[in-house]
């Protein structure tokens, strides 16, 4: 067998290989997608593929429904499920899902985002709660956590204040200190109480005043009785 005969026998095999594997080199236009060895038109945003195109028919599309969306022209036969902005994730809905856009979530009040993807928050966490003896140095936002600091000596906070308050000075209010203040509680004041000595002195003075009055009354009556009846 000469070289020409070998080439003639190899030609049909080469043609067959091109037909079988030729789709691997198929290049579809930007408005098409590849399915097998065919290029089918993409379904528009907000739709999905119902049936792929055939030789004499185009792609059949259906709208996205039931909390699903498709944000780009597609060759997929399923729409994407809409994101749920649930309180279990510390989220609420900022923008509702449509056929062409996904939901946009944002943190609940008192939460901040810990997993952000572009303009979408995927998860949020509750702001840190300051402890008694601390104050809120920086209040948390939707993007940042709260920051706490310790109260200095002579001041207090229950953890909900944005600055520590000085302890009440009982003496300046003519009150008696009942309980010293701590980092988390104010000083407790009360009215001044009389000491036992002051009480005794008061009783003695009152007793002397009463006794003096009785003696004066007795002497006056005796003096009047000694004079006798007045002559006519």
Protein backbone atom coordinates (compact mmCIF):
# COMPACT_ATOMS: atom_id res chain seq x y z
CA UNK A 1 0.00 0.00 0.00
CA UNK A 2 1.47 3.35 -1.03
CA UNK A 3 1.40 6.61 0.95
CA UNK A 4 -1.49 8.02 -1.13
CA UNK A 5 -3.69 5.02 -0.20
CA UNK A 6 -2.97 5.50 3.51
CA UNK A 7 -4.03 9.17 3.30
CA UNK A 8 -7.26 8.24 1.54
CA UNK A 9 -8.11 5.70 4.25
CA UNK A 10 -7.36 8.19 7.05
CA UNK A 11 -9.54 10.96 5.58
CA UNK A 12 -12.95 9.43 6.53
CA UNK A 13 -11.69 8.82 10.07
CA UNK A 14 -10.58 12.43 10.38
CA UNK A 15 -13.95 13.69 9.15
CA UNK A 16 -15.71 11.49 11.70
CA UNK A 17 -13.53 12.80 14.54
CA UNK A 18 -14.29 16.40 13.51
CA UNK A 19 -18.03 15.70 13.51
CA UNK A 20 -17.91 13.99 16.91
CA UNK A 21 -15.62 16.44 18.70
CA UNK A 22 -16.21 19.55 16.65
CA UNK A 23 -18.59 21.03 19.31
CA UNK A 24 -15.66 21.45 21.66
CA UNK A 25 -14.46 24.31 19.50
CA UNK A 26 -17.96 25.83 19.17
CA UNK A 27 -18.02 29.50 20.12
CA UNK A 28 -21.41 31.04 20.94
CA UNK A 29 -22.19 34.75 20.82
CA UNK A 30 -22.57 36.76 24.10
CA UNK A 31 -26.36 36.62 23.69
CA UNK A 32 -26.31 32.80 23.40
CA UNK A 33 -25.45 29.80 25.54
CA UNK A 34 -24.11 26.42 24.49
CA UNK A 35 -26.15 23.26 24.91
CA UNK A 36 -24.53 20.19 23.34
CA UNK A 37 -23.28 21.28 19.93
CA UNK A 38 -25.86 24.04 19.57
CA UNK A 39 -25.89 27.74 20.49
CA UNK A 40 -29.26 28.77 21.95
CA UNK A 41 -30.54 32.32 22.65
CA UNK A 42 -30.31 33.32 26.34
CA UNK A 43 -33.51 33.93 28.30
CA UNK A 44 -33.79 37.57 29.49
CA UNK A 45 -33.31 38.64 33.12
CA UNK A 46 -36.22 37.63 35.32
CA UNK A 47 -36.73 34.43 33.33
CA UNK A 48 -35.43 30.86 33.13
CA UNK A 49 -35.17 28.27 30.37
CA UNK A 50 -38.21 26.06 29.96
CA UNK A 51 -36.93 24.15 26.90
CA UNK A 52 -33.67 24.53 25.00
CA UNK A 53 -33.68 25.54 21.36
CA UNK A 54 -33.83 23.01 18.55
CA UNK A 55 -32.86 23.21 14.90
CA UNK A 56 -36.11 24.95 13.93
CA UNK A 57 -37.24 26.43 17.30
CA UNK A 58 -35.81 29.02 19.68
CA UNK A 59 -35.32 28.81 23.44
CA UNK A 60 -38.56 28.75 25.44
CA UNK A 61 -38.48 30.86 28.65
CA UNK A 62 -40.63 31.19 31.79
CA UNK A 63 -40.72 34.06 34.36
CA UNK A 64 -39.20 33.59 37.81
CA UNK A 65 -41.95 33.13 40.42
CA UNK A 66 -42.42 32.03 44.05
CA UNK A 67 -39.63 34.07 45.67
CA UNK A 68 -37.05 33.37 42.97
CA UNK A 69 -35.07 35.73 40.71
CA UNK A 70 -32.62 35.87 37.81
CA UNK A 71 -30.53 39.02 37.65
CA UNK A 72 -28.83 38.34 34.27
CA UNK A 73 -29.72 36.81 30.88
CA UNK A 74 -29.38 33.06 31.42
CA UNK A 75 -29.33 29.59 29.96
CA UNK A 76 -30.24 27.98 33.29
CA UNK A 77 -33.50 26.13 33.78
CA UNK A 78 -33.92 27.28 37.40
CA UNK A 79 -34.10 30.74 38.95
CA UNK A 80 -32.13 31.59 42.07
CA UNK A 81 -34.00 31.51 45.42
CA UNK A 82 -34.48 34.92 47.04
CA UNK A 83 -32.46 35.60 50.18
CA UNK A 84 -34.50 35.52 53.41
CA UNK A 85 -33.74 38.40 55.79
CA UNK A 86 -34.63 36.59 59.00
CA UNK A 87 -34.43 37.79 62.61
CA UNK A 88 -32.58 34.56 63.46
CA UNK A 89 -29.67 36.06 61.49
CA UNK A 90 -30.18 39.50 63.07
CA UNK A 91 -31.53 40.87 59.78
CA UNK A 92 -34.53 42.66 58.33
CA UNK A 93 -35.53 43.41 54.73
CA UNK A 94 -34.28 46.69 53.29
CA UNK A 95 -35.36 45.99 49.69
CA UNK A 96 -37.74 43.17 48.75
CA UNK A 97 -36.86 40.54 46.16
CA UNK A 98 -38.14 40.95 42.58
CA UNK A 99 -37.96 38.73 39.49
CA UNK A 100 -34.69 40.45 38.48
CA UNK A 101 -33.11 41.39 41.85
CA UNK A 102 -32.40 39.58 45.09
CA UNK A 103 -33.54 40.81 48.51
CA UNK A 104 -31.29 43.36 50.24
CA UNK A 105 -30.95 42.78 53.99
CA UNK A 106 -29.81 45.13 56.74
CA UNK A 107 -29.14 44.63 60.48
CA UNK A 108 -31.98 44.86 62.98
CA UNK A 109 -31.98 47.76 65.44
CA UNK A 110 -29.24 47.06 68.00
CA UNK A 111 -27.29 44.78 65.61
CA UNK A 112 -24.30 45.29 63.31
CA UNK A 113 -23.26 43.50 60.11
CA UNK A 114 -20.54 40.83 60.42
CA UNK A 115 -20.78 39.38 56.89
CA UNK A 116 -21.17 41.96 54.13
CA UNK A 117 -21.28 41.15 50.39
CA UNK A 118 -21.30 44.37 48.34
CA UNK A 119 -24.44 46.23 49.51
CA UNK A 120 -25.98 43.12 51.08
CA UNK A 121 -25.60 42.02 54.70
CA UNK A 122 -25.62 38.23 55.02
CA UNK A 123 -25.42 38.04 58.85
CA UNK A 124 -25.55 40.43 61.81
CA UNK A 125 -24.67 40.28 65.49
CA UNK A 126 -26.10 42.11 68.49
CA UNK A 127 -24.18 45.09 69.83
CA UNK A 128 -22.04 44.44 72.88
CA UNK A 129 -23.77 45.28 76.17
CA UNK A 130 -21.57 47.30 78.53
CA UNK A 131 -21.35 45.90 82.07
CA UNK A 132 -22.13 47.75 85.33
CA UNK A 133 -19.09 49.88 86.10
CA UNK A 134 -18.62 50.64 82.38
CA UNK A 135 -20.00 53.32 80.10
CA UNK A 136 -20.70 53.32 76.33
CA UNK A 137 -17.70 55.12 74.82
CA UNK A 138 -18.85 54.57 71.22
CA UNK A 139 -22.42 53.52 70.50
CA UNK A 140 -22.73 50.73 67.92
CA UNK A 141 -23.94 51.36 64.37
CA UNK A 142 -25.19 49.09 61.57
CA UNK A 143 -21.54 48.51 60.61
CA UNK A 144 -19.65 48.69 63.92
CA UNK A 145 -19.96 47.21 67.41
CA UNK A 146 -20.32 49.22 70.63
CA UNK A 147 -17.15 50.09 72.58
CA UNK A 148 -17.12 50.16 76.40
CA UNK A 149 -14.76 51.83 78.91
CA UNK A 150 -14.34 51.59 82.68
CA UNK A 151 -15.57 54.32 85.04
CA UNK A 152 -12.88 56.27 86.93
CA UNK A 153 -12.76 56.53 90.73
CA UNK A 154 -15.55 58.64 92.20
CA UNK A 155 -17.98 57.92 89.36
CA UNK A 156 -20.45 55.20 88.41
CA UNK A 157 -22.53 53.75 85.55
CA UNK A 158 -25.00 50.86 85.28
CA UNK A 159 -23.72 50.03 81.78
CA UNK A 160 -26.38 51.95 79.84
CA UNK A 161 -24.90 55.45 80.17
CA UNK A 162 -22.74 57.23 77.60
CA UNK A 163 -20.64 58.76 80.39
CA UNK A 164 -20.05 57.95 84.06
CA UNK A 165 -21.76 60.13 86.67
CA UNK A 166 -20.00 61.47 89.78
CA UNK A 167 -21.08 60.04 93.14
CA UNK A 168 -23.51 62.22 95.10
CA UNK A 169 -21.78 64.20 97.85
CA UNK A 170 -24.14 63.72 100.80
CA UNK A 171 -22.45 66.30 103.05
CA UNK A 172 -22.99 69.08 100.48
CA UNK A 173 -26.74 68.41 100.74
CA UNK A 174 -26.75 68.34 104.56
CA UNK A 175 -27.35 64.60 104.44
CA UNK A 176 -25.62 61.68 106.04
CA UNK A 177 -23.70 59.10 103.94
CA UNK A 178 -25.55 55.79 104.36
CA UNK A 179 -23.75 53.68 101.72
CA UNK A 180 -20.57 54.64 99.81
CA UNK A 181 -20.80 54.71 96.01
CA UNK A 182 -19.21 52.03 93.81
CA UNK A 183 -18.27 51.88 90.12
CA UNK A 184 -21.81 50.69 89.33
CA UNK A 185 -23.95 52.44 91.98
CA UNK A 186 -24.35 55.95 93.39
CA UNK A 187 -23.77 56.83 97.04
CA UNK A 188 -26.83 56.49 99.30
CA UNK A 189 -27.69 59.46 101.51
CA UNK A 190 -30.07 59.84 104.46
CA UNK A 191 -31.27 62.52 106.88
CA UNK A 192 -29.02 63.28 109.85
CA UNK A 193 -30.04 61.34 112.96
CA UNK A 194 -29.87 62.76 116.49
CA UNK A 195 -27.29 61.09 118.68
CA UNK A 196 -28.37 59.57 122.04
CA UNK A 197 -26.60 62.45 123.91
CA UNK A 198 -28.63 65.04 122.04
CA UNK A 199 -31.83 63.15 122.82
CA UNK A 200 -30.98 62.97 126.54
CA UNK A 201 -30.14 66.68 126.70
CA UNK A 202 -33.42 67.51 124.99
CA UNK A 203 -35.39 65.39 127.46
CA UNK A 204 -33.61 66.94 130.47
CA UNK A 205 -34.18 70.49 129.24
CA UNK A 206 -37.84 69.75 128.58
CA UNK A 207 -38.18 68.19 132.03
CA UNK A 208 -36.61 71.20 133.71
CA UNK A 209 -38.95 73.54 131.85
CA UNK A 210 -41.98 71.52 132.95
CA UNK A 211 -40.76 71.31 136.58
CA UNK A 212 -40.02 75.05 136.65
CA UNK A 213 -43.51 75.82 135.41
CA UNK A 214 -45.10 73.58 138.09
CA UNK A 215 -43.03 75.16 140.89
CA UNK A 216 -43.90 78.69 139.74
CA UNK A 217 -47.60 77.76 139.64
CA UNK A 218 -47.44 76.23 143.12
CA UNK A 219 -45.70 79.30 144.63
CA UNK A 220 -48.18 81.67 143.07
CA UNK A 221 -51.15 79.77 144.49
CA UNK A 222 -49.52 79.67 147.94
CA UNK A 223 -48.85 83.38 147.83
CA UNK A 224 -52.42 84.13 146.94
CA UNK A 225 -53.75 81.83 149.68
CA UNK A 226 -51.56 83.57 152.39
CA UNK A 227 -53.08 86.97 151.79
CA UNK A 228 -56.56 85.80 152.90
CA UNK A 229 -59.93 87.31 151.90
CA UNK A 230 -60.03 90.87 150.86
CA UNK A 231 -61.85 93.15 153.50
CA UNK A 232 -65.16 94.82 152.54
